[in-house]
Amino acid sequence: MTPLEIGFASVVAIVVLIYSGVYIPVALGAGFSFVSIWLMRDNFDPGA
C-alpha cells in the first residue's frame, strides 16, 4: 500500500469509530495514527 492509501484508510477508520459513538480522543488515540505511521515508515522504531 502507498502512504496515500494508508492515510486514507486511517481517516476512514477514525471517522467510522467516531460515527459509531466512540469518543473523539479515544478514536484518535486508538492506535490508528501510530499504526499508519508504522506502516508508512515500514519499521518499528518509535525513538527515531
PDB file of N, CA and C in Angstrom:
ATOM      1  N   MET A   1       0.831  -1.177   0.000  1.00  0.00           N
ATOM      2  CA  MET A   1       0.000   0.000   0.000  1.00  0.00           C
ATOM      3  C   MET A   1       0.877   1.243   0.000  1.00  0.00           C
ATOM      4  N   THR A   2       0.435   2.236  -0.704  1.00  0.00           N
ATOM      5  CA  THR A   2       1.163   3.500  -0.729  1.00  0.00           C
ATOM      6  C   THR A   2       0.811   4.297   0.521  1.00  0.00           C
ATOM      7  N   PRO A   3       1.643   5.269   0.879  1.00  0.00           N
ATOM      8  CA  PRO A   3       1.316   6.109   2.031  1.00  0.00           C
ATOM      9  C   PRO A   3      -0.031   6.823   1.892  1.00  0.00           C
ATOM     10  N   LEU A   4      -0.408   7.169   0.682  1.00  0.00           N
ATOM     11  CA  LEU A   4      -1.702   7.825   0.463  1.00  0.00           C
ATOM     12  C   LEU A   4      -2.855   6.876   0.792  1.00  0.00           C
ATOM     13  N   GLU A   5      -2.753   5.630   0.386  1.00  0.00           N
ATOM     14  CA  GLU A   5      -3.787   4.640   0.693  1.00  0.00           C
ATOM     15  C   GLU A   5      -3.865   4.362   2.190  1.00  0.00           C
ATOM     16  N   ILE A   6      -2.712   4.278   2.840  1.00  0.00           N
ATOM     17  CA  ILE A   6      -2.675   4.046   4.282  1.00  0.00           C
ATOM     18  C   ILE A   6      -3.309   5.216   5.019  1.00  0.00           C
ATOM     19  N   GLY A   7      -2.993   6.431   4.620  1.00  0.00           N
ATOM     20  CA  GLY A   7      -3.583   7.617   5.234  1.00  0.00           C
ATOM     21  C   GLY A   7      -5.085   7.667   5.041  1.00  0.00           C
ATOM     22  N   PHE A   8      -5.544   7.352   3.854  1.00  0.00           N
ATOM     23  CA  PHE A   8      -6.978   7.357   3.575  1.00  0.00           C
ATOM     24  C   PHE A   8      -7.698   6.306   4.418  1.00  0.00           C
ATOM     25  N   ALA A   9      -7.123   5.123   4.510  1.00  0.00           N
ATOM     26  CA  ALA A   9      -7.727   4.061   5.310  1.00  0.00           C
ATOM     27  C   ALA A   9      -7.767   4.447   6.786  1.00  0.00           C
ATOM     28  N   SER A  10      -6.731   5.130   7.270  1.00  0.00           N
ATOM     29  CA  SER A  10      -6.705   5.574   8.658  1.00  0.00           C
ATOM     30  C   SER A  10      -7.797   6.602   8.929  1.00  0.00           C
ATOM     31  N   VAL A  11      -7.960   7.558   8.034  1.00  0.00           N
ATOM     32  CA  VAL A  11      -9.000   8.578   8.202  1.00  0.00           C
ATOM     33  C   VAL A  11     -10.385   7.937   8.174  1.00  0.00           C
ATOM     34  N   VAL A  12     -10.597   7.017   7.266  1.00  0.00           N
ATOM     35  CA  VAL A  12     -11.891   6.337   7.186  1.00  0.00           C
ATOM     36  C   VAL A  12     -12.155   5.560   8.476  1.00  0.00           C
ATOM     37  N   ALA A  13     -11.158   4.865   9.000  1.00  0.00           N
ATOM     38  CA  ALA A  13     -11.334   4.098  10.232  1.00  0.00           C
ATOM     39  C   ALA A  13     -11.660   5.014  11.405  1.00  0.00           C
ATOM     40  N   ILE A  14     -10.997   6.159  11.492  1.00  0.00           N
ATOM     41  CA  ILE A  14     -11.262   7.103  12.577  1.00  0.00           C
ATOM     42  C   ILE A  14     -12.673   7.665  12.463  1.00  0.00           C
ATOM     43  N   VAL A  15     -13.101   8.019  11.255  1.00  0.00           N
ATOM     44  CA  VAL A  15     -14.459   8.549  11.054  1.00  0.00           C
ATOM     45  C   VAL A  15     -15.501   7.500  11.406  1.00  0.00           C
ATOM     46  N   VAL A  16     -15.265   6.252  11.023  1.00  0.00           N
ATOM     47  CA  VAL A  16     -16.205   5.180  11.355  1.00  0.00           C
ATOM     48  C   VAL A  16     -16.307   5.014  12.870  1.00  0.00           C
ATOM     49  N   LEU A  17     -15.187   5.065  13.564  1.00  0.00           N
ATOM     50  CA  LEU A  17     -15.219   4.957  15.025  1.00  0.00           C
ATOM     51  C   LEU A  17     -15.992   6.108  15.650  1.00  0.00           C
ATOM     52  N   ILE A  18     -15.787   7.325  15.145  1.00  0.00           N
ATOM     53  CA  ILE A  18     -16.486   8.492  15.700  1.00  0.00           C
ATOM     54  C   ILE A  18     -17.983   8.382  15.452  1.00  0.00           C
ATOM     55  N   TYR A  19     -18.379   7.994  14.257  1.00  0.00           N
ATOM     56  CA  TYR A  19     -19.801   7.855  13.954  1.00  0.00           C
ATOM     57  C   TYR A  19     -20.438   6.686  14.707  1.00  0.00           C
ATOM     58  N   SER A  20     -19.650   5.714  15.114  1.00  0.00           N
ATOM     59  CA  SER A  20     -20.211   4.592  15.861  1.00  0.00           C
ATOM     60  C   SER A  20     -20.350   4.901  17.345  1.00  0.00           C
ATOM     61  N   GLY A  21     -19.943   6.092  17.757  1.00  0.00           N
ATOM     62  CA  GLY A  21     -20.168   6.526  19.126  1.00  0.00           C
ATOM     63  C   GLY A  21     -18.945   6.557  20.011  1.00  0.00           C
ATOM     64  N   VAL A  22     -17.793   6.258  19.472  1.00  0.00           N
ATOM     65  CA  VAL A  22     -16.565   6.300  20.265  1.00  0.00           C
ATOM     66  C   VAL A  22     -16.166   7.763  20.450  1.00  0.00           C
ATOM     67  N   TYR A  23     -15.713   8.112  21.641  1.00  0.00           N
ATOM     68  CA  TYR A  23     -15.266   9.479  21.896  1.00  0.00           C
ATOM     69  C   TYR A  23     -14.097   9.822  20.969  1.00  0.00           C
ATOM     70  N   ILE A  24     -14.045  11.074  20.557  1.00  0.00           N
ATOM     71  CA  ILE A  24     -13.033  11.506  19.586  1.00  0.00           C
ATOM     72  C   ILE A  24     -11.609  11.261  20.095  1.00  0.00           C
ATOM     73  N   PRO A  25     -11.275  11.635  21.347  1.00  0.00           N
ATOM     74  CA  PRO A  25      -9.895  11.355  21.803  1.00  0.00           C
ATOM     75  C   PRO A  25      -9.553   9.872  21.785  1.00  0.00           C
ATOM     76  N   VAL A  26     -10.532   9.038  22.078  1.00  0.00           N
ATOM     77  CA  VAL A  26     -10.286   7.591  22.061  1.00  0.00           C
ATOM     78  C   VAL A  26     -10.091   7.119  20.628  1.00  0.00           C
ATOM     79  N   ALA A  27     -10.907   7.633  19.716  1.00  0.00           N
ATOM     80  CA  ALA A  27     -10.784   7.239  18.310  1.00  0.00           C
ATOM     81  C   ALA A  27      -9.429   7.663  17.745  1.00  0.00           C
ATOM     82  N   LEU A  28      -8.992   8.863  18.100  1.00  0.00           N
ATOM     83  CA  LEU A  28      -7.701   9.332  17.598  1.00  0.00           C
ATOM     84  C   LEU A  28      -6.536   8.609  18.261  1.00  0.00           C
ATOM     85  N   GLY A  29      -6.731   8.234  19.513  1.00  0.00           N
ATOM     86  CA  GLY A  29      -5.669   7.569  20.246  1.00  0.00           C
ATOM     87  C   GLY A  29      -5.762   6.059  20.181  1.00  0.00           C
ATOM     88  N   ALA A  30      -6.635   5.536  19.352  1.00  0.00           N
ATOM     89  CA  ALA A  30      -6.846   4.092  19.286  1.00  0.00           C
ATOM     90  C   ALA A  30      -5.694   3.364  18.612  1.00  0.00           C
ATOM     91  N   GLY A  31      -4.712   4.075  18.174  1.00  0.00           N
ATOM     92  CA  GLY A  31      -3.575   3.428  17.544  1.00  0.00           C
ATOM     93  C   GLY A  31      -3.539   3.587  16.045  1.00  0.00           C
ATOM     94  N   PHE A  32      -4.593   4.129  15.476  1.00  0.00           N
ATOM     95  CA  PHE A  32      -4.597   4.258  14.019  1.00  0.00           C
ATOM     96  C   PHE A  32      -3.483   5.176  13.535  1.00  0.00           C
ATOM     97  N   SER A  33      -3.256   6.262  14.250  1.00  0.00           N
ATOM     98  CA  SER A  33      -2.182   7.169  13.845  1.00  0.00           C
ATOM     99  C   SER A  33      -0.834   6.469  13.961  1.00  0.00           C
ATOM    100  N   PHE A  34      -0.640   5.784  15.088  1.00  0.00           N
ATOM    101  CA  PHE A  34       0.627   5.080  15.302  1.00  0.00           C
ATOM    102  C   PHE A  34       0.836   3.984  14.272  1.00  0.00           C
ATOM    103  N   VAL A  35      -0.199   3.200  14.035  1.00  0.00           N
ATOM    104  CA  VAL A  35      -0.093   2.095  13.078  1.00  0.00           C
ATOM    105  C   VAL A  35       0.116   2.623  11.665  1.00  0.00           C
ATOM    106  N   SER A  36      -0.547   3.720  11.317  1.00  0.00           N
ATOM    107  CA  SER A  36      -0.387   4.290   9.978  1.00  0.00           C
ATOM    108  C   SER A  36       1.041   4.750   9.739  1.00  0.00           C
ATOM    109  N   ILE A  37       1.595   5.443  10.717  1.00  0.00           N
ATOM    110  CA  ILE A  37       2.983   5.904  10.564  1.00  0.00           C
ATOM    111  C   ILE A  37       3.924   4.713  10.526  1.00  0.00           C
ATOM    112  N   TRP A  38       3.646   3.692  11.345  1.00  0.00           N
ATOM    113  CA  TRP A  38       4.474   2.492  11.360  1.00  0.00           C
ATOM    114  C   TRP A  38       4.448   1.822   9.990  1.00  0.00           C
ATOM    115  N   LEU A  39       3.276   1.721   9.374  1.00  0.00           N
ATOM    116  CA  LEU A  39       3.178   1.099   8.048  1.00  0.00           C
ATOM    117  C   LEU A  39       3.859   1.943   6.972  1.00  0.00           C
ATOM    118  N   MET A  40       3.742   3.271   7.078  1.00  0.00           N
ATOM    119  CA  MET A  40       4.378   4.139   6.081  1.00  0.00           C
ATOM    120  C   MET A  40       5.896   4.075   6.173  1.00  0.00           C
ATOM    121  N   ARG A  41       6.417   4.044   7.394  1.00  0.00           N
ATOM    122  CA  ARG A  41       7.870   4.015   7.577  1.00  0.00           C
ATOM    123  C   ARG A  41       8.433   2.615   7.390  1.00  0.00           C
ATOM    124  N   ASP A  42       7.610   1.610   7.599  1.00  0.00           N
ATOM    125  CA  ASP A  42       7.987   0.205   7.424  1.00  0.00           C
ATOM    126  C   ASP A  42       9.062  -0.256   8.405  1.00  0.00           C
ATOM    127  N   ASN A  43       9.059   0.351   9.612  1.00  0.00           N
ATOM    128  CA  ASN A  43       9.898  -0.158  10.684  1.00  0.00           C
ATOM    129  C   ASN A  43       9.280   0.234  12.010  1.00  0.00           C
ATOM    130  N   PHE A  44       9.648  -0.472  13.057  1.00  0.00           N
ATOM    131  CA  PHE A  44       9.105  -0.206  14.380  1.00  0.00           C
ATOM    132  C   PHE A  44      10.209   0.340  15.260  1.00  0.00           C
ATOM    133  N   ASP A  45      10.474   1.639  15.111  1.00  0.00           N
ATOM    134  CA  ASP A  45      11.487   2.310  15.912  1.00  0.00           C
ATOM    135  C   ASP A  45      10.916   3.635  16.380  1.00  0.00           C
ATOM    136  N   PRO A  46      10.153   3.632  17.489  1.00  0.00           N
ATOM    137  CA  PRO A  46       9.483   4.847  17.920  1.00  0.00           C
ATOM    138  C   PRO A  46      10.430   5.944  18.364  1.00  0.00           C
ATOM    139  N   GLY A  47      11.697   5.625  18.623  1.00  0.00           N
ATOM    140  CA  GLY A  47      12.644   6.640  19.073  1.00  0.00           C
ATOM    141  C   GLY A  47      13.296   7.401  17.938  1.00  0.00           C
ATOM    142  N   ALA A  48      13.123   6.991  16.727  1.00  0.00           N
ATOM    143  CA  ALA A  48      13.815   7.648  15.609  1.00  0.00           C
ATOM    144  C   ALA A  48      13.013   8.763  15.012  1.00  0.00           C
TER     145      ALA A  48
END
